[in-house]
Amino acid sequence: MPKRPNPDPVIVVKQWGSTSEIDKAIQRLERRRAELEGLDIAAAMQNHTGAVEGAESNFRESIREVFGQNSPEFVEHKNFQFSLFAAFVTVTSAIEAQRQAVANKEQGRRQAIGILNGLLSLA
């Protein structure tokens, strides 16, 4: 007898318990936005600091903690990365490849800030 696939998790819309809880959620998302706004992608990548990966992880974790594991907000953004794919461009040098990688991550950083701005309007 074939196994039944695991059902999708039940999507739970966040119910705020108090204005204090909302204020804490807003503060958390604003801290994350400030972190992203201050992130120097080029320097972090050049120096291999791990700051880009840390910011990506912090972004996802903040959404999970604010809205919940099975919230529509987290389900939509749980796999977010600053650049999910490499541009299929013929590069002529390692310098050009690095420039393109930085540009891709920078675009993702800006997208993450936009997502946080949208989520702040929900909190």
N, C-alpha and C. Protein backbone atom coordinates (compact mmCIF):
# COMPACT_ATOMS: atom_id res chain seq x y z
N MET A 1 0.85 -1.17 0.00
CA MET A 1 0.00 0.00 0.00
C MET A 1 0.90 1.24 0.00
N PRO A 2 0.67 2.18 -0.94
CA PRO A 2 1.53 3.36 -1.01
C PRO A 2 1.33 4.27 0.20
N LYS A 3 2.42 4.90 0.57
CA LYS A 3 2.38 5.85 1.68
C LYS A 3 1.69 7.12 1.24
N ARG A 4 0.91 7.67 2.13
CA ARG A 4 0.29 8.95 1.83
C ARG A 4 1.32 10.05 2.08
N PRO A 5 1.35 11.04 1.18
CA PRO A 5 2.30 12.14 1.42
C PRO A 5 1.90 12.93 2.66
N ASN A 6 2.91 13.51 3.27
CA ASN A 6 2.64 14.36 4.44
C ASN A 6 1.81 15.55 3.99
N PRO A 7 0.76 15.85 4.72
CA PRO A 7 -0.06 17.00 4.33
C PRO A 7 0.73 18.29 4.55
N ASP A 8 0.35 19.29 3.78
CA ASP A 8 0.96 20.60 3.97
C ASP A 8 0.61 21.11 5.36
N PRO A 9 1.52 21.86 5.99
CA PRO A 9 1.20 22.39 7.31
C PRO A 9 0.02 23.36 7.22
N VAL A 10 -0.73 23.42 8.26
CA VAL A 10 -1.85 24.35 8.32
C VAL A 10 -1.28 25.76 8.40
N ILE A 11 -1.75 26.63 7.53
CA ILE A 11 -1.30 28.01 7.51
C ILE A 11 -2.03 28.76 8.62
N VAL A 12 -1.28 29.41 9.47
CA VAL A 12 -1.84 30.11 10.63
C VAL A 12 -1.55 31.60 10.50
N VAL A 13 -2.59 32.39 10.48
CA VAL A 13 -2.44 33.84 10.45
C VAL A 13 -2.18 34.32 11.88
N LYS A 14 -1.18 35.17 12.03
CA LYS A 14 -0.78 35.65 13.35
C LYS A 14 -1.89 36.45 14.01
N GLN A 15 -2.19 36.09 15.25
CA GLN A 15 -3.14 36.84 16.07
C GLN A 15 -2.34 37.56 17.15
N TRP A 16 -2.34 38.86 17.13
CA TRP A 16 -1.56 39.64 18.09
C TRP A 16 -2.30 39.67 19.42
N GLY A 17 -1.56 39.41 20.50
CA GLY A 17 -2.16 39.36 21.83
C GLY A 17 -2.28 40.70 22.51
N SER A 18 -1.38 41.61 22.18
CA SER A 18 -1.39 42.91 22.85
C SER A 18 -0.62 43.91 22.00
N THR A 19 -0.78 45.18 22.35
CA THR A 19 -0.02 46.21 21.65
C THR A 19 1.47 46.07 21.95
N SER A 20 1.79 45.58 23.13
CA SER A 20 3.19 45.35 23.49
C SER A 20 3.83 44.32 22.56
N GLU A 21 3.08 43.27 22.25
CA GLU A 21 3.58 42.23 21.34
C GLU A 21 3.79 42.81 19.94
N ILE A 22 2.89 43.65 19.52
CA ILE A 22 3.03 44.30 18.21
C ILE A 22 4.25 45.20 18.20
N ASP A 23 4.43 45.98 19.28
CA ASP A 23 5.59 46.88 19.37
C ASP A 23 6.90 46.11 19.30
N LYS A 24 6.98 44.96 19.98
CA LYS A 24 8.19 44.14 19.95
C LYS A 24 8.44 43.59 18.55
N ALA A 25 7.38 43.18 17.87
CA ALA A 25 7.51 42.67 16.51
C ALA A 25 8.03 43.76 15.57
N ILE A 26 7.48 44.95 15.70
CA ILE A 26 7.91 46.07 14.86
C ILE A 26 9.38 46.39 15.13
N GLN A 27 9.77 46.42 16.40
CA GLN A 27 11.17 46.69 16.74
C GLN A 27 12.10 45.65 16.14
N ARG A 28 11.71 44.39 16.20
CA ARG A 28 12.54 43.31 15.65
C ARG A 28 12.71 43.48 14.14
N LEU A 29 11.62 43.75 13.44
CA LEU A 29 11.70 43.92 12.00
C LEU A 29 12.48 45.18 11.63
N GLU A 30 12.33 46.23 12.41
CA GLU A 30 13.09 47.46 12.16
C GLU A 30 14.59 47.24 12.39
N ARG A 31 14.95 46.45 13.39
CA ARG A 31 16.37 46.13 13.62
C ARG A 31 16.94 45.36 12.43
N ARG A 32 16.14 44.44 11.93
CA ARG A 32 16.58 43.65 10.78
C ARG A 32 16.76 44.54 9.56
N ARG A 33 15.83 45.48 9.36
CA ARG A 33 15.94 46.42 8.24
C ARG A 33 17.19 47.28 8.39
N ALA A 34 17.46 47.77 9.60
CA ALA A 34 18.66 48.58 9.84
C ALA A 34 19.92 47.77 9.58
N GLU A 35 19.92 46.50 9.98
CA GLU A 35 21.07 45.63 9.71
C GLU A 35 21.32 45.53 8.21
N LEU A 36 20.26 45.33 7.45
CA LEU A 36 20.40 45.20 6.00
C LEU A 36 20.82 46.52 5.36
N GLU A 37 20.28 47.61 5.84
CA GLU A 37 20.64 48.92 5.29
C GLU A 37 22.11 49.23 5.53
N GLY A 38 22.66 48.75 6.64
CA GLY A 38 24.06 49.02 6.96
C GLY A 38 25.04 47.99 6.42
N LEU A 39 24.53 46.94 5.79
CA LEU A 39 25.39 45.87 5.31
C LEU A 39 26.13 46.28 4.04
N ASP A 40 27.45 46.21 4.09
CA ASP A 40 28.29 46.49 2.92
C ASP A 40 28.59 45.15 2.24
N ILE A 41 27.80 44.84 1.24
CA ILE A 41 27.90 43.56 0.56
C ILE A 41 29.29 43.35 -0.02
N ALA A 42 29.81 44.35 -0.72
CA ALA A 42 31.11 44.20 -1.38
C ALA A 42 32.21 43.90 -0.37
N ALA A 43 32.27 44.65 0.72
CA ALA A 43 33.30 44.43 1.73
C ALA A 43 33.15 43.07 2.40
N ALA A 44 31.91 42.69 2.71
CA ALA A 44 31.67 41.40 3.36
C ALA A 44 32.10 40.25 2.46
N MET A 45 31.81 40.35 1.17
CA MET A 45 32.20 39.28 0.25
C MET A 45 33.71 39.27 0.01
N GLN A 46 34.29 40.44 -0.13
CA GLN A 46 35.73 40.51 -0.37
C GLN A 46 36.52 39.97 0.82
N ASN A 47 36.05 40.26 2.02
CA ASN A 47 36.77 39.85 3.22
C ASN A 47 36.28 38.51 3.78
N HIS A 48 35.30 37.90 3.12
CA HIS A 48 34.76 36.60 3.55
C HIS A 48 34.38 36.60 5.03
N THR A 49 33.60 37.63 5.43
CA THR A 49 33.25 37.77 6.84
C THR A 49 32.06 36.91 7.27
N GLY A 50 31.27 36.46 6.32
CA GLY A 50 30.06 35.72 6.66
C GLY A 50 28.89 36.62 7.00
N ALA A 51 29.09 37.93 6.89
CA ALA A 51 28.03 38.88 7.24
C ALA A 51 26.82 38.75 6.32
N VAL A 52 27.04 38.44 5.06
CA VAL A 52 25.93 38.30 4.12
C VAL A 52 25.06 37.10 4.50
N GLU A 53 25.70 35.97 4.75
CA GLU A 53 24.97 34.77 5.13
C GLU A 53 24.26 34.97 6.47
N GLY A 54 24.92 35.66 7.40
CA GLY A 54 24.31 35.95 8.70
C GLY A 54 23.08 36.83 8.54
N ALA A 55 23.17 37.84 7.69
CA ALA A 55 22.03 38.73 7.47
C ALA A 55 20.86 37.99 6.81
N GLU A 56 21.16 37.09 5.88
CA GLU A 56 20.11 36.27 5.26
C GLU A 56 19.40 35.42 6.32
N SER A 57 20.19 34.78 7.16
CA SER A 57 19.64 33.93 8.21
C SER A 57 18.82 34.75 9.21
N ASN A 58 19.34 35.90 9.61
CA ASN A 58 18.63 36.77 10.54
C ASN A 58 17.30 37.23 9.95
N PHE A 59 17.30 37.54 8.66
CA PHE A 59 16.09 37.96 7.96
C PHE A 59 15.01 36.88 8.06
N ARG A 60 15.38 35.66 7.69
CA ARG A 60 14.41 34.55 7.72
C ARG A 60 13.95 34.26 9.15
N GLU A 61 14.88 34.22 10.09
CA GLU A 61 14.56 33.89 11.48
C GLU A 61 13.65 34.95 12.12
N SER A 62 13.88 36.20 11.79
CA SER A 62 13.03 37.26 12.34
C SER A 62 11.60 37.11 11.85
N ILE A 63 11.42 36.78 10.59
CA ILE A 63 10.07 36.59 10.06
C ILE A 63 9.40 35.40 10.77
N ARG A 64 10.16 34.32 10.96
CA ARG A 64 9.61 33.15 11.65
C ARG A 64 9.20 33.50 13.08
N GLU A 65 10.07 34.21 13.79
CA GLU A 65 9.77 34.53 15.18
C GLU A 65 8.61 35.53 15.32
N VAL A 66 8.53 36.48 14.41
CA VAL A 66 7.47 37.49 14.50
C VAL A 66 6.12 36.92 14.08
N PHE A 67 6.07 36.21 12.96
CA PHE A 67 4.79 35.78 12.40
C PHE A 67 4.44 34.32 12.69
N GLY A 68 5.45 33.49 12.99
CA GLY A 68 5.18 32.09 13.30
C GLY A 68 5.65 31.14 12.20
N GLN A 69 5.96 29.92 12.62
CA GLN A 69 6.50 28.88 11.74
C GLN A 69 5.59 28.57 10.56
N ASN A 70 4.29 28.56 10.79
CA ASN A 70 3.35 28.18 9.74
C ASN A 70 2.55 29.37 9.21
N SER A 71 3.10 30.56 9.36
CA SER A 71 2.42 31.76 8.87
C SER A 71 2.63 31.90 7.36
N PRO A 72 1.72 32.56 6.69
CA PRO A 72 1.91 32.81 5.26
C PRO A 72 3.19 33.61 5.00
N GLU A 73 3.52 34.52 5.91
CA GLU A 73 4.71 35.35 5.73
C GLU A 73 5.98 34.50 5.75
N PHE A 74 6.08 33.58 6.72
CA PHE A 74 7.27 32.75 6.81
C PHE A 74 7.31 31.72 5.69
N VAL A 75 6.17 31.10 5.40
CA VAL A 75 6.13 30.10 4.33
C VAL A 75 6.62 30.73 3.02
N GLU A 76 6.23 31.96 2.76
CA GLU A 76 6.64 32.64 1.53
C GLU A 76 8.13 32.96 1.50
N HIS A 77 8.72 33.30 2.64
CA HIS A 77 10.10 33.80 2.66
C HIS A 77 11.11 32.88 3.35
N LYS A 78 10.71 31.68 3.73
CA LYS A 78 11.60 30.82 4.51
C LYS A 78 12.86 30.38 3.76
N ASN A 79 12.84 30.41 2.46
CA ASN A 79 14.02 30.02 1.68
C ASN A 79 14.71 31.21 1.01
N PHE A 80 14.35 32.41 1.45
CA PHE A 80 14.90 33.61 0.80
C PHE A 80 16.42 33.68 0.95
N GLN A 81 17.07 33.97 -0.15
CA GLN A 81 18.50 34.25 -0.17
C GLN A 81 18.71 35.49 -1.01
N PHE A 82 19.78 36.20 -0.76
CA PHE A 82 20.03 37.43 -1.50
C PHE A 82 20.20 37.19 -2.99
N SER A 83 20.71 36.05 -3.38
CA SER A 83 20.73 35.71 -4.80
C SER A 83 20.58 34.21 -4.92
N LEU A 84 19.44 33.78 -5.43
CA LEU A 84 19.15 32.37 -5.53
C LEU A 84 19.79 31.72 -6.76
N PHE A 85 20.15 32.51 -7.72
CA PHE A 85 20.72 31.95 -8.93
C PHE A 85 21.83 32.86 -9.43
N ALA A 86 22.74 32.27 -10.10
CA ALA A 86 23.80 33.05 -10.71
C ALA A 86 23.33 33.47 -12.09
N ALA A 87 23.63 34.68 -12.44
CA ALA A 87 23.26 35.14 -13.77
C ALA A 87 24.08 34.36 -14.79
N PHE A 88 23.41 33.91 -15.81
CA PHE A 88 24.11 33.16 -16.86
C PHE A 88 24.70 34.14 -17.87
N VAL A 89 25.76 34.75 -17.46
CA VAL A 89 26.45 35.75 -18.27
C VAL A 89 27.87 35.27 -18.47
N THR A 90 28.35 35.43 -19.67
CA THR A 90 29.74 35.08 -19.92
C THR A 90 30.61 36.18 -19.32
N VAL A 91 31.43 35.79 -18.37
CA VAL A 91 32.31 36.77 -17.75
C VAL A 91 33.71 36.60 -18.33
N THR A 92 34.36 37.71 -18.46
CA THR A 92 35.69 37.69 -19.09
C THR A 92 36.82 37.61 -18.09
N SER A 93 36.51 37.81 -16.81
CA SER A 93 37.58 37.77 -15.82
C SER A 93 37.01 37.46 -14.45
N ALA A 94 37.91 37.12 -13.55
CA ALA A 94 37.50 36.87 -12.17
C ALA A 94 36.96 38.15 -11.53
N ILE A 95 37.53 39.27 -11.91
CA ILE A 95 37.06 40.56 -11.38
C ILE A 95 35.63 40.81 -11.81
N GLU A 96 35.33 40.53 -13.07
CA GLU A 96 33.97 40.72 -13.56
C GLU A 96 33.00 39.74 -12.88
N ALA A 97 33.44 38.52 -12.64
CA ALA A 97 32.60 37.54 -11.95
C ALA A 97 32.30 38.01 -10.53
N GLN A 98 33.29 38.54 -9.84
CA GLN A 98 33.09 39.07 -8.48
C GLN A 98 32.16 40.26 -8.51
N ARG A 99 32.33 41.15 -9.48
CA ARG A 99 31.46 42.32 -9.59
C ARG A 99 30.01 41.89 -9.80
N GLN A 100 29.81 40.88 -10.64
CA GLN A 100 28.45 40.39 -10.90
C GLN A 100 27.86 39.73 -9.65
N ALA A 101 28.66 38.98 -8.92
CA ALA A 101 28.18 38.34 -7.68
C ALA A 101 27.77 39.40 -6.65
N VAL A 102 28.57 40.44 -6.51
CA VAL A 102 28.25 41.53 -5.58
C VAL A 102 26.95 42.21 -6.02
N ALA A 103 26.82 42.47 -7.31
CA ALA A 103 25.61 43.13 -7.83
C ALA A 103 24.37 42.28 -7.56
N ASN A 104 24.48 40.96 -7.74
CA ASN A 104 23.35 40.07 -7.48
C ASN A 104 22.96 40.09 -6.00
N LYS A 105 23.96 40.02 -5.12
CA LYS A 105 23.69 40.04 -3.67
C LYS A 105 23.10 41.40 -3.26
N GLU A 106 23.61 42.46 -3.86
CA GLU A 106 23.11 43.81 -3.54
C GLU A 106 21.64 43.94 -3.95
N GLN A 107 21.28 43.40 -5.09
CA GLN A 107 19.89 43.41 -5.52
C GLN A 107 19.03 42.64 -4.53
N GLY A 108 19.51 41.50 -4.06
CA GLY A 108 18.77 40.72 -3.07
C GLY A 108 18.64 41.45 -1.75
N ARG A 109 19.68 42.17 -1.35
CA ARG A 109 19.63 42.96 -0.11
C ARG A 109 18.52 44.01 -0.21
N ARG A 110 18.46 44.69 -1.36
CA ARG A 110 17.42 45.70 -1.56
C ARG A 110 16.02 45.06 -1.56
N GLN A 111 15.92 43.88 -2.14
CA GLN A 111 14.64 43.17 -2.16
C GLN A 111 14.23 42.81 -0.73
N ALA A 112 15.17 42.34 0.08
CA ALA A 112 14.86 41.98 1.47
C ALA A 112 14.38 43.20 2.26
N ILE A 113 14.98 44.35 2.02
CA ILE A 113 14.54 45.58 2.69
C ILE A 113 13.11 45.90 2.27
N GLY A 114 12.80 45.73 0.99
CA GLY A 114 11.44 45.96 0.51
C GLY A 114 10.44 45.00 1.15
N ILE A 115 10.84 43.75 1.30
CA ILE A 115 9.97 42.76 1.95
C ILE A 115 9.72 43.16 3.40
N LEU A 116 10.76 43.57 4.11
CA LEU A 116 10.60 43.99 5.50
C LEU A 116 9.68 45.21 5.59
N ASN A 117 9.82 46.16 4.66
CA ASN A 117 8.93 47.32 4.66
C ASN A 117 7.48 46.88 4.50
N GLY A 118 7.25 45.91 3.64
CA GLY A 118 5.89 45.39 3.47
C GLY A 118 5.40 44.68 4.71
N LEU A 119 6.26 43.89 5.34
CA LEU A 119 5.86 43.19 6.56
C LEU A 119 5.59 44.14 7.72
N LEU A 120 6.35 45.23 7.76
CA LEU A 120 6.12 46.22 8.81
C LEU A 120 4.73 46.85 8.69
N SER A 121 4.22 46.90 7.49
CA SER A 121 2.88 47.44 7.32
C SER A 121 1.81 46.45 7.82
N LEU A 122 2.18 45.15 7.96
CA LEU A 122 1.25 44.14 8.45
C LEU A 122 1.25 44.04 9.97
N ALA A 123 2.40 44.36 10.58
CA ALA A 123 2.55 44.15 12.03
C ALA A 123 1.73 45.14 12.83
